[in-house]
Amino acid sequence: MNVKEAMKDHNGKPMKHGKEDVNGVRLHYAIAGSGPLVVLLHGVPKTMYFWRRVIPYLTPHYTVLTPDIRGFGDSERPDKGYDTQTIAEDIAQLVTALGYDKFRVVGEDWGAAFAYAVAAFNRDRVIQLVYEEMMLPGLGWEDGPADRVKRFKRWDTRNLWHLNFFSLPGYPEMLLAGKEKEFWGTWMRSEMYDPSALSDDELDEYVRWMKTPCGMRTIFEVYRESETDAEQNKKQFEKKLEMPVLAVAGKHFFEDEALSQMRQVAENVRGVILDCGHNLPLELPEEVANEYLKFFNEIKD
């Protein structure tokens, strides 16, 4: 599969790919469209490729920038820097390097935690924030919904069983080596209402980079920094975000959790729940994009 050819704008033209040295790391990014800038941040264990079905709906109206987060995809894999504040600074510097000042930021899963940090640490630059399908470190990350044990089966990731496992030094890398496709395919599809929306080609793209040096380690380093993230976030919680926030969730996964969390940390929040599971851009790309556009259009640039 050729990722560059698979990621296209609304005219079927491949996105422009490049790499930029920012904040001590070399980031791979793709960009397309015209107009005000929208930054799309992927979660775990994904890459920029996760957004390919949404991008063509946005590029008629906006310039879309989607990076591979540090350590993921074809970005550099440094030894450290996987806390959300550092990753937020990566993104802010990338936007600056590409010649933009103000921008909108969208994040899903861990990308939503990164997006919150981008907004919190760049309040004068971020116009709007879309926070999608995530529990924010520092806001009940450790506990989650109070009744989750009664509601969910043991294997359900909403039970957060994976937090301790992924945080163990070295063990997940050792135990999952050679089983990347089986583990992450099962993981992602178990979180989806329509598991067929995750194609084998897409899963192969994620496995490709995981099998490169330090690939799997970077995934777990994100989890290992969650306590650091919580401390960083708690300082930002002291002053609520003032920019408009859209909280997006799947009816069959986090439901109203994203909205509940954002209302604690932002002043101007509204939410939408769509009839799908955790991976909204795969299951309902057009509906997700339309919700983004309706939200973005509330502010005229």
C-alpha atoms as a PDB file:
ATOM      1  CA  MET A   1       0.000   0.000   0.000  1.00  0.00           C
ATOM      2  CA  ASN A   2       1.225   3.485  -0.885  1.00  0.00           C
ATOM      3  CA  VAL A   3       0.178   5.789   1.956  1.00  0.00           C
ATOM      4  CA  LYS A   4       0.819   8.918  -0.075  1.00  0.00           C
ATOM      5  CA  GLU A   5      -1.510   7.796  -2.835  1.00  0.00           C
ATOM      6  CA  ALA A   6      -4.162   6.666  -0.332  1.00  0.00           C
ATOM      7  CA  MET A   7      -4.322  10.036   1.452  1.00  0.00           C
ATOM      8  CA  LYS A   8      -6.063  12.471  -0.902  1.00  0.00           C
ATOM      9  CA  ASP A   9      -7.987  15.720  -0.898  1.00  0.00           C
ATOM     10  CA  HIS A  10     -11.511  16.254  -2.259  1.00  0.00           C
ATOM     11  CA  ASN A  11     -10.189  16.425  -5.814  1.00  0.00           C
ATOM     12  CA  GLY A  12      -8.425  13.073  -5.524  1.00  0.00           C
ATOM     13  CA  LYS A  13      -5.034  14.773  -5.391  1.00  0.00           C
ATOM     14  CA  PRO A  14      -2.508  13.187  -2.995  1.00  0.00           C
ATOM     15  CA  MET A  15      -1.643  15.245   0.056  1.00  0.00           C
ATOM     16  CA  LYS A  16       1.761  16.885   0.197  1.00  0.00           C
ATOM     17  CA  HIS A  17       4.067  14.972   2.535  1.00  0.00           C
ATOM     18  CA  GLY A  18       7.151  16.307   4.273  1.00  0.00           C
ATOM     19  CA  LYS A  19       9.308  16.234   7.389  1.00  0.00           C
ATOM     20  CA  GLU A  20      10.195  19.081   9.711  1.00  0.00           C
ATOM     21  CA  ASP A  21      12.667  19.367  12.591  1.00  0.00           C
ATOM     22  CA  VAL A  22      10.826  20.869  15.561  1.00  0.00           C
ATOM     23  CA  ASN A  23      11.337  20.739  19.333  1.00  0.00           C
ATOM     24  CA  GLY A  24      14.215  18.274  18.967  1.00  0.00           C
ATOM     25  CA  VAL A  25      12.289  15.738  16.865  1.00  0.00           C
ATOM     26  CA  ARG A  26      11.778  15.175  13.143  1.00  0.00           C
ATOM     27  CA  LEU A  27       8.061  14.933  12.396  1.00  0.00           C
ATOM     28  CA  HIS A  28       6.441  13.463   9.301  1.00  0.00           C
ATOM     29  CA  TYR A  29       3.337  15.355   8.202  1.00  0.00           C
ATOM     30  CA  ALA A  30       0.855  15.607   5.352  1.00  0.00           C
ATOM     31  CA  ILE A  31      -1.017  18.737   4.282  1.00  0.00           C
ATOM     32  CA  ALA A  32      -3.732  19.558   1.735  1.00  0.00           C
ATOM     33  CA  GLY A  33      -6.571  21.980   1.035  1.00  0.00           C
ATOM     34  CA  SER A  34      -6.776  25.742   1.380  1.00  0.00           C
ATOM     35  CA  GLY A  35      -8.072  28.295   3.842  1.00  0.00           C
ATOM     36  CA  PRO A  36      -7.772  28.353   7.666  1.00  0.00           C
ATOM     37  CA  LEU A  37      -5.700  25.598   9.236  1.00  0.00           C
ATOM     38  CA  VAL A  38      -7.141  22.507  10.932  1.00  0.00           C
ATOM     39  CA  VAL A  39      -4.730  20.105  12.655  1.00  0.00           C
ATOM     40  CA  LEU A  40      -5.838  16.464  13.036  1.00  0.00           C
ATOM     41  CA  LEU A  41      -4.114  14.418  15.759  1.00  0.00           C
ATOM     42  CA  HIS A  42      -4.362  10.633  15.769  1.00  0.00           C
ATOM     43  CA  GLY A  43      -4.487   8.342  18.784  1.00  0.00           C
ATOM     44  CA  VAL A  44      -2.954   4.959  19.648  1.00  0.00           C
ATOM     45  CA  PRO A  45      -1.831   2.750  17.896  1.00  0.00           C
ATOM     46  CA  LYS A  46      -2.555   4.805  14.786  1.00  0.00           C
ATOM     47  CA  THR A  47      -0.854   7.224  12.425  1.00  0.00           C
ATOM     48  CA  MET A  48      -1.961  10.099  10.208  1.00  0.00           C
ATOM     49  CA  TYR A  49      -3.426   7.438   7.908  1.00  0.00           C
ATOM     50  CA  PHE A  50      -6.320   7.071  10.351  1.00  0.00           C
ATOM     51  CA  TRP A  51      -7.779  10.365   9.052  1.00  0.00           C
ATOM     52  CA  ARG A  52      -7.777   9.547   5.339  1.00  0.00           C
ATOM     53  CA  ARG A  53     -11.578   9.061   5.079  1.00  0.00           C
ATOM     54  CA  VAL A  54     -12.343  12.374   6.823  1.00  0.00           C
ATOM     55  CA  ILE A  55      -9.813  14.599   5.050  1.00  0.00           C
ATOM     56  CA  PRO A  56     -11.631  14.916   1.672  1.00  0.00           C
ATOM     57  CA  TYR A  57     -14.701  16.343   3.419  1.00  0.00           C
ATOM     58  CA  LEU A  58     -12.602  19.068   5.062  1.00  0.00           C
ATOM     59  CA  THR A  59     -10.209  20.171   2.312  1.00  0.00           C
ATOM     60  CA  PRO A  60     -12.823  22.077   0.233  1.00  0.00           C
ATOM     61  CA  HIS A  61     -13.072  24.496   3.162  1.00  0.00           C
ATOM     62  CA  TYR A  62      -9.867  24.261   5.199  1.00  0.00           C
ATOM     63  CA  THR A  63      -6.172  23.525   5.006  1.00  0.00           C
ATOM     64  CA  VAL A  64      -5.735  20.179   6.747  1.00  0.00           C
ATOM     65  CA  LEU A  65      -2.488  19.279   8.489  1.00  0.00           C
ATOM     66  CA  THR A  66      -2.096  15.790   9.904  1.00  0.00           C
ATOM     67  CA  PRO A  67       1.209  14.761  11.487  1.00  0.00           C
ATOM     68  CA  ASP A  68       2.528  11.456  12.709  1.00  0.00           C
ATOM     69  CA  ILE A  69       2.949  12.121  16.441  1.00  0.00           C
ATOM     70  CA  ARG A  70       6.521  11.814  17.708  1.00  0.00           C
ATOM     71  CA  GLY A  71       7.485   8.149  17.819  1.00  0.00           C
ATOM     72  CA  PHE A  72       4.618   7.058  15.550  1.00  0.00           C
ATOM     73  CA  GLY A  73       4.433   6.258  11.859  1.00  0.00           C
ATOM     74  CA  ASP A  74       7.286   7.820   9.920  1.00  0.00           C
ATOM     75  CA  SER A  75       8.187  10.414  12.536  1.00  0.00           C
ATOM     76  CA  GLU A  76      11.402  10.088  14.532  1.00  0.00           C
ATOM     77  CA  ARG A  77      11.376   7.883  17.646  1.00  0.00           C
ATOM     78  CA  PRO A  78      13.385   9.694  20.332  1.00  0.00           C
ATOM     79  CA  ASP A  79      14.102   8.135  23.712  1.00  0.00           C
ATOM     80  CA  LYS A  80      11.886  10.578  25.606  1.00  0.00           C
ATOM     81  CA  GLY A  81       9.301  13.318  25.235  1.00  0.00           C
ATOM     82  CA  TYR A  82       6.059  11.305  25.165  1.00  0.00           C
ATOM     83  CA  ASP A  83       4.212  13.409  27.734  1.00  0.00           C
ATOM     84  CA  THR A  84       1.345  15.484  26.366  1.00  0.00           C
ATOM     85  CA  GLN A  85       2.961  18.872  27.051  1.00  0.00           C
ATOM     86  CA  THR A  86       6.044  17.977  25.010  1.00  0.00           C
ATOM     87  CA  ILE A  87       3.916  16.575  22.194  1.00  0.00           C
ATOM     88  CA  ALA A  88       1.783  19.735  22.291  1.00  0.00           C
ATOM     89  CA  GLU A  89       4.929  21.811  21.843  1.00  0.00           C
ATOM     90  CA  ASP A  90       5.910  19.590  18.882  1.00  0.00           C
ATOM     91  CA  ILE A  91       2.618  20.433  17.198  1.00  0.00           C
ATOM     92  CA  ALA A  92       2.735  24.150  17.996  1.00  0.00           C
ATOM     93  CA  GLN A  93       6.239  24.412  16.566  1.00  0.00           C
ATOM     94  CA  LEU A  94       5.284  22.411  13.478  1.00  0.00           C
ATOM     95  CA  VAL A  95       2.384  24.788  12.798  1.00  0.00           C
ATOM     96  CA  THR A  96       4.741  27.754  13.168  1.00  0.00           C
ATOM     97  CA  ALA A  97       7.376  26.188  10.928  1.00  0.00           C
ATOM     98  CA  LEU A  98       4.778  25.744   8.196  1.00  0.00           C
ATOM     99  CA  GLY A  99       3.890  29.427   8.372  1.00  0.00           C
ATOM    100  CA  TYR A 100       0.669  29.465  10.407  1.00  0.00           C
ATOM    101  CA  ASP A 101      -0.259  31.314  13.590  1.00  0.00           C
ATOM    102  CA  LYS A 102      -3.902  30.635  14.538  1.00  0.00           C
ATOM    103  CA  PHE A 103      -5.399  27.189  13.998  1.00  0.00           C
ATOM    104  CA  ARG A 104      -8.085  24.696  14.995  1.00  0.00           C
ATOM    105  CA  VAL A 105      -7.104  21.375  16.533  1.00  0.00           C
ATOM    106  CA  VAL A 106      -8.948  18.034  16.464  1.00  0.00           C
ATOM    107  CA  GLY A 107      -7.875  14.964  18.402  1.00  0.00           C
ATOM    108  CA  GLU A 108      -9.267  11.472  18.883  1.00  0.00           C
ATOM    109  CA  ASP A 109      -8.342   8.901  21.543  1.00  0.00           C
ATOM    110  CA  TRP A 110      -4.849   9.840  22.805  1.00  0.00           C
ATOM    111  CA  GLY A 111      -4.849  12.462  20.073  1.00  0.00           C
ATOM    112  CA  ALA A 112      -7.608  14.200  22.053  1.00  0.00           C
ATOM    113  CA  ALA A 113      -5.330  14.339  25.110  1.00  0.00           C
ATOM    114  CA  PHE A 114      -2.617  15.811  22.891  1.00  0.00           C
ATOM    115  CA  ALA A 115      -5.140  18.253  21.408  1.00  0.00           C
ATOM    116  CA  TYR A 116      -6.284  19.400  24.853  1.00  0.00           C
ATOM    117  CA  ALA A 117      -2.642  20.085  25.755  1.00  0.00           C
ATOM    118  CA  VAL A 118      -2.117  21.980  22.487  1.00  0.00           C
ATOM    119  CA  ALA A 119      -5.097  24.177  23.350  1.00  0.00           C
ATOM    120  CA  ALA A 120      -4.188  24.589  27.031  1.00  0.00           C
ATOM    121  CA  PHE A 121      -0.597  25.593  26.368  1.00  0.00           C
ATOM    122  CA  ASN A 122      -1.403  27.730  23.302  1.00  0.00           C
ATOM    123  CA  ARG A 123      -4.573  29.527  24.341  1.00  0.00           C
ATOM    124  CA  ASP A 124      -3.795  32.577  22.227  1.00  0.00           C
ATOM    125  CA  ARG A 125      -3.380  30.504  19.057  1.00  0.00           C
ATOM    126  CA  VAL A 126      -6.056  27.789  19.123  1.00  0.00           C
ATOM    127  CA  ILE A 127      -9.369  29.008  17.725  1.00  0.00           C
ATOM    128  CA  GLN A 128     -11.430  25.891  18.463  1.00  0.00           C
ATOM    129  CA  LEU A 129     -10.841  22.438  19.969  1.00  0.00           C
ATOM    130  CA  VAL A 130     -12.516  19.151  19.047  1.00  0.00           C
ATOM    131  CA  TYR A 131     -12.068  16.580  21.818  1.00  0.00           C
ATOM    132  CA  GLU A 132     -13.107  13.095  20.714  1.00  0.00           C
ATOM    133  CA  GLU A 133     -13.437   9.778  22.575  1.00  0.00           C
ATOM    134  CA  MET A 134     -10.899  10.119  25.372  1.00  0.00           C
ATOM    135  CA  MET A 135     -10.590  10.246  29.146  1.00  0.00           C
ATOM    136  CA  LEU A 136      -8.167  13.003  30.053  1.00  0.00           C
ATOM    137  CA  PRO A 137      -5.280  12.226  32.426  1.00  0.00           C
ATOM    138  CA  GLY A 138      -5.934  14.118  35.641  1.00  0.00           C
ATOM    139  CA  LEU A 139      -9.723  13.896  35.278  1.00  0.00           C
ATOM    140  CA  GLY A 140     -10.691  10.455  36.486  1.00  0.00           C
ATOM    141  CA  TRP A 141      -8.279   8.694  34.139  1.00  0.00           C
ATOM    142  CA  GLU A 142      -7.538   6.222  36.906  1.00  0.00           C
ATOM    143  CA  ASP A 143     -11.177   5.702  37.909  1.00  0.00           C
ATOM    144  CA  GLY A 144     -13.284   6.270  34.812  1.00  0.00           C
ATOM    145  CA  PRO A 145     -17.088   6.027  34.946  1.00  0.00           C
ATOM    146  CA  ALA A 146     -18.084   5.141  38.502  1.00  0.00           C
ATOM    147  CA  ASP A 147     -20.181   2.158  37.439  1.00  0.00           C
ATOM    148  CA  ARG A 148     -17.844   0.770  34.800  1.00  0.00           C
ATOM    149  CA  VAL A 149     -17.107  -2.506  36.628  1.00  0.00           C
ATOM    150  CA  LYS A 150     -20.818  -3.299  36.725  1.00  0.00           C
ATOM    151  CA  ARG A 151     -21.413  -2.273  33.117  1.00  0.00           C
ATOM    152  CA  PHE A 152     -18.443  -3.695  31.231  1.00  0.00           C
ATOM    153  CA  LYS A 153     -16.914  -7.126  30.814  1.00  0.00           C
ATOM    154  CA  ARG A 154     -13.359  -7.709  31.973  1.00  0.00           C
ATOM    155  CA  TRP A 155     -11.820  -7.564  28.499  1.00  0.00           C
ATOM    156  CA  ASP A 156     -13.514  -4.244  27.690  1.00  0.00           C
ATOM    157  CA  THR A 157     -10.884  -1.508  27.415  1.00  0.00           C
ATOM    158  CA  ARG A 158     -13.249   0.941  29.134  1.00  0.00           C
ATOM    159  CA  ASN A 159     -12.296  -0.958  32.276  1.00  0.00           C
ATOM    160  CA  LEU A 160      -8.801   0.462  31.713  1.00  0.00           C
ATOM    161  CA  TRP A 161      -7.180  -2.902  32.455  1.00  0.00           C
ATOM    162  CA  HIS A 162      -4.414  -2.039  30.035  1.00  0.00           C
ATOM    163  CA  LEU A 163      -3.060   0.952  31.976  1.00  0.00           C
ATOM    164  CA  ASN A 164      -0.923  -1.111  34.338  1.00  0.00           C
ATOM    165  CA  PHE A 165       0.086  -3.617  31.662  1.00  0.00           C
ATOM    166  CA  PHE A 166       1.190  -0.980  29.137  1.00  0.00           C
ATOM    167  CA  SER A 167       3.036   0.966  31.837  1.00  0.00           C
ATOM    168  CA  LEU A 168       5.271  -1.938  32.867  1.00  0.00           C
ATOM    169  CA  PRO A 169       8.837  -1.323  31.626  1.00  0.00           C
ATOM    170  CA  GLY A 170       9.723  -3.708  28.820  1.00  0.00           C
ATOM    171  CA  TYR A 171       7.069  -6.363  29.394  1.00  0.00           C
ATOM    172  CA  PRO A 172       4.462  -5.386  26.778  1.00  0.00           C
ATOM    173  CA  GLU A 173       7.155  -5.014  24.118  1.00  0.00           C
ATOM    174  CA  MET A 174       8.493  -8.484  24.926  1.00  0.00           C
ATOM    175  CA  LEU A 175       5.109 -10.215  25.108  1.00  0.00           C
ATOM    176  CA  LEU A 176       3.555  -8.623  22.011  1.00  0.00           C
ATOM    177  CA  ALA A 177       6.541  -8.851  19.674  1.00  0.00           C
ATOM    178  CA  GLY A 178       5.540 -10.861  16.601  1.00  0.00           C
ATOM    179  CA  LYS A 179       1.852 -10.601  17.530  1.00  0.00           C
ATOM    180  CA  GLU A 180       1.319  -6.949  16.583  1.00  0.00           C
ATOM    181  CA  LYS A 181      -1.386  -7.568  13.988  1.00  0.00           C
ATOM    182  CA  GLU A 182      -3.304 -10.070  16.099  1.00  0.00           C
ATOM    183  CA  PHE A 183      -3.206  -7.949  19.256  1.00  0.00           C
ATOM    184  CA  TRP A 184      -3.935  -4.506  17.817  1.00  0.00           C
ATOM    185  CA  GLY A 185      -6.454  -5.811  15.313  1.00  0.00           C
ATOM    186  CA  THR A 186      -8.399  -7.487  18.110  1.00  0.00           C
ATOM    187  CA  TRP A 187      -7.982  -4.386  20.281  1.00  0.00           C
ATOM    188  CA  MET A 188      -9.267  -1.878  17.736  1.00  0.00           C
ATOM    189  CA  ARG A 189     -12.136  -4.005  16.460  1.00  0.00           C
ATOM    190  CA  SER A 190     -13.312  -4.789  19.989  1.00  0.00           C
ATOM    191  CA  GLU A 191     -13.806  -1.043  20.511  1.00  0.00           C
ATOM    192  CA  MET A 192     -15.825  -0.562  17.311  1.00  0.00           C
ATOM    193  CA  TYR A 193     -19.558  -0.912  16.765  1.00  0.00           C
ATOM    194  CA  ASP A 194     -18.795  -1.836  13.131  1.00  0.00           C
ATOM    195  CA  PRO A 195     -15.510  -3.789  13.251  1.00  0.00           C
ATOM    196  CA  SER A 196     -15.538  -4.242   9.466  1.00  0.00           C
ATOM    197  CA  ALA A 197     -14.696  -0.521   9.176  1.00  0.00           C
ATOM    198  CA  LEU A 198     -11.094  -1.356  10.076  1.00  0.00           C
ATOM    199  CA  SER A 199      -9.606  -2.736   6.874  1.00  0.00           C
ATOM    200  CA  ASP A 200      -6.729  -5.190   6.757  1.00  0.00           C
ATOM    201  CA  ASP A 201      -4.799  -2.669   4.641  1.00  0.00           C
ATOM    202  CA  GLU A 202      -5.108  -0.081   7.369  1.00  0.00           C
ATOM    203  CA  LEU A 203      -4.075  -2.527  10.061  1.00  0.00           C
ATOM    204  CA  ASP A 204      -1.069  -3.548   7.940  1.00  0.00           C
ATOM    205  CA  GLU A 205      -0.002   0.100   7.789  1.00  0.00           C
ATOM    206  CA  TYR A 206       0.045   0.335  11.577  1.00  0.00           C
ATOM    207  CA  VAL A 207       1.892  -2.964  11.937  1.00  0.00           C
ATOM    208  CA  ARG A 208       4.476  -1.794   9.385  1.00  0.00           C
ATOM    209  CA  TRP A 209       5.758   0.991  11.602  1.00  0.00           C
ATOM    210  CA  MET A 210       5.383  -0.968  14.834  1.00  0.00           C
ATOM    211  CA  LYS A 211       7.916  -3.491  13.518  1.00  0.00           C
ATOM    212  CA  THR A 212      10.557  -0.828  12.907  1.00  0.00           C
ATOM    213  CA  PRO A 213      13.166  -0.148  15.626  1.00  0.00           C
ATOM    214  CA  CYS A 214      11.507   1.146  18.826  1.00  0.00           C
ATOM    215  CA  GLY A 215       8.097   1.136  17.144  1.00  0.00           C
ATOM    216  CA  MET A 216       6.115  -0.658  19.813  1.00  0.00           C
ATOM    217  CA  ARG A 217       8.071   0.998  22.616  1.00  0.00           C
ATOM    218  CA  THR A 218       6.823   4.446  21.663  1.00  0.00           C
ATOM    219  CA  ILE A 219       3.185   3.356  22.055  1.00  0.00           C
ATOM    220  CA  PHE A 220       3.804   2.264  25.619  1.00  0.00           C
ATOM    221  CA  GLU A 221       5.915   5.318  26.436  1.00  0.00           C
ATOM    222  CA  VAL A 222       2.767   7.394  25.884  1.00  0.00           C
ATOM    223  CA  TYR A 223       1.014   5.385  28.604  1.00  0.00           C
ATOM    224  CA  ARG A 224       4.057   5.458  30.881  1.00  0.00           C
ATOM    225  CA  GLU A 225       3.866   9.250  30.937  1.00  0.00           C
ATOM    226  CA  SER A 226       0.209   9.371  32.018  1.00  0.00           C
ATOM    227  CA  GLU A 227       1.003  10.366  35.606  1.00  0.00           C
ATOM    228  CA  THR A 228       3.197  13.186  34.317  1.00  0.00           C
ATOM    229  CA  ASP A 229       0.355  14.199  31.987  1.00  0.00           C
ATOM    230  CA  ALA A 230      -2.060  14.324  34.907  1.00  0.00           C
ATOM    231  CA  GLU A 231       0.202  16.663  36.869  1.00  0.00           C
ATOM    232  CA  GLN A 232       0.699  18.915  33.844  1.00  0.00           C
ATOM    233  CA  ASN A 233      -3.033  18.982  33.149  1.00  0.00           C
ATOM    234  CA  LYS A 234      -4.073  19.755  36.727  1.00  0.00           C
ATOM    235  CA  LYS A 235      -2.140  23.023  36.558  1.00  0.00           C
ATOM    236  CA  GLN A 236      -4.018  23.922  33.366  1.00  0.00           C
ATOM    237  CA  PHE A 237      -7.384  22.963  34.884  1.00  0.00           C
ATOM    238  CA  GLU A 238      -7.016  25.916  37.263  1.00  0.00           C
ATOM    239  CA  LYS A 239      -8.027  28.219  34.393  1.00  0.00           C
ATOM    240  CA  LYS A 240     -10.704  26.845  32.076  1.00  0.00           C
ATOM    241  CA  LEU A 241     -10.255  26.971  28.321  1.00  0.00           C
ATOM    242  CA  GLU A 242     -12.063  29.926  26.790  1.00  0.00           C
ATOM    243  CA  MET A 243     -12.088  28.856  23.141  1.00  0.00           C
ATOM    244  CA  PRO A 244     -15.167  26.886  21.955  1.00  0.00           C
ATOM    245  CA  VAL A 245     -14.901  23.117  22.449  1.00  0.00           C
ATOM    246  CA  LEU A 246     -16.804  20.351  20.673  1.00  0.00           C
ATOM    247  CA  ALA A 247     -16.870  17.041  22.565  1.00  0.00           C
ATOM    248  CA  VAL A 248     -17.499  14.109  20.205  1.00  0.00           C
ATOM    249  CA  ALA A 249     -18.215  10.531  21.261  1.00  0.00           C
ATOM    250  CA  GLY A 250     -19.551   7.205  20.061  1.00  0.00           C
ATOM    251  CA  LYS A 251     -22.879   6.014  21.439  1.00  0.00           C
ATOM    252  CA  HIS A 252     -21.439   2.508  21.788  1.00  0.00           C
ATOM    253  CA  PHE A 253     -18.264   3.495  23.611  1.00  0.00           C
ATOM    254  CA  PHE A 254     -17.659   6.573  25.785  1.00  0.00           C
ATOM    255  CA  GLU A 255     -21.143   8.048  25.292  1.00  0.00           C
ATOM    256  CA  ASP A 256     -21.315  11.308  27.282  1.00  0.00           C
ATOM    257  CA  GLU A 257     -17.907  10.937  28.966  1.00  0.00           C
ATOM    258  CA  ALA A 258     -16.104  13.363  26.629  1.00  0.00           C
ATOM    259  CA  LEU A 259     -18.721  16.057  27.177  1.00  0.00           C
ATOM    260  CA  SER A 260     -18.689  15.548  30.942  1.00  0.00           C
ATOM    261  CA  GLN A 261     -14.920  15.876  31.045  1.00  0.00           C
ATOM    262  CA  MET A 262     -14.696  18.956  28.846  1.00  0.00           C
ATOM    263  CA  ARG A 263     -17.333  20.762  30.873  1.00  0.00           C
ATOM    264  CA  GLN A 264     -14.958  20.516  33.830  1.00  0.00           C
ATOM    265  CA  VAL A 265     -12.067  22.189  32.014  1.00  0.00           C
ATOM    266  CA  ALA A 266     -13.631  24.542  29.448  1.00  0.00           C
ATOM    267  CA  GLU A 267     -16.192  27.335  29.579  1.00  0.00           C
ATOM    268  CA  ASN A 268     -17.829  26.995  26.167  1.00  0.00           C
ATOM    269  CA  VAL A 269     -18.589  23.342  25.429  1.00  0.00           C
ATOM    270  CA  ARG A 270     -21.181  21.435  23.469  1.00  0.00           C
ATOM    271  CA  GLY A 271     -21.323  17.760  22.642  1.00  0.00           C
ATOM    272  CA  VAL A 272     -22.472  15.317  20.013  1.00  0.00           C
ATOM    273  CA  ILE A 273     -22.883  11.539  20.264  1.00  0.00           C
ATOM    274  CA  LEU A 274     -22.880   9.520  17.045  1.00  0.00           C
ATOM    275  CA  ASP A 275     -24.207   6.010  16.467  1.00  0.00           C
ATOM    276  CA  CYS A 276     -20.883   4.184  16.361  1.00  0.00           C
ATOM    277  CA  GLY A 277     -18.051   2.883  18.503  1.00  0.00           C
ATOM    278  CA  HIS A 278     -14.676   4.300  19.475  1.00  0.00           C
ATOM    279  CA  ASN A 279     -13.084   4.850  16.049  1.00  0.00           C
ATOM    280  CA  LEU A 280     -15.485   7.420  14.619  1.00  0.00           C
ATOM    281  CA  PRO A 281     -13.403   8.516  11.576  1.00  0.00           C
ATOM    282  CA  LEU A 282     -13.405   4.898  10.366  1.00  0.00           C
ATOM    283  CA  GLU A 283     -17.023   4.041  11.128  1.00  0.00           C
ATOM    284  CA  LEU A 284     -18.802   7.303  10.209  1.00  0.00           C
ATOM    285  CA  PRO A 285     -16.320   9.553   8.371  1.00  0.00           C
ATOM    286  CA  GLU A 286     -18.862  11.748   6.581  1.00  0.00           C
ATOM    287  CA  GLU A 287     -21.007  12.290   9.674  1.00  0.00           C
ATOM    288  CA  VAL A 288     -17.934  13.074  11.774  1.00  0.00           C
ATOM    289  CA  ALA A 289     -16.622  15.539   9.203  1.00  0.00           C
ATOM    290  CA  ASN A 290     -20.014  17.250   8.996  1.00  0.00           C
ATOM    291  CA  GLU A 291     -20.054  17.742  12.762  1.00  0.00           C
ATOM    292  CA  TYR A 292     -16.581  19.267  12.607  1.00  0.00           C
ATOM    293  CA  LEU A 293     -17.618  21.604   9.792  1.00  0.00           C
ATOM    294  CA  LYS A 294     -20.784  22.753  11.543  1.00  0.00           C
ATOM    295  CA  PHE A 295     -18.718  23.565  14.596  1.00  0.00           C
ATOM    296  CA  PHE A 296     -15.935  25.302  12.665  1.00  0.00           C
ATOM    297  CA  ASN A 297     -18.413  27.408  10.713  1.00  0.00           C
ATOM    298  CA  GLU A 298     -19.703  28.968  13.917  1.00  0.00           C
ATOM    299  CA  ILE A 299     -16.631  31.204  13.807  1.00  0.00           C
ATOM    300  CA  LYS A 300     -15.927  33.149  10.629  1.00  0.00           C
ATOM    301  CA  ASP A 301     -12.213  33.623   9.967  1.00  0.00           C
END
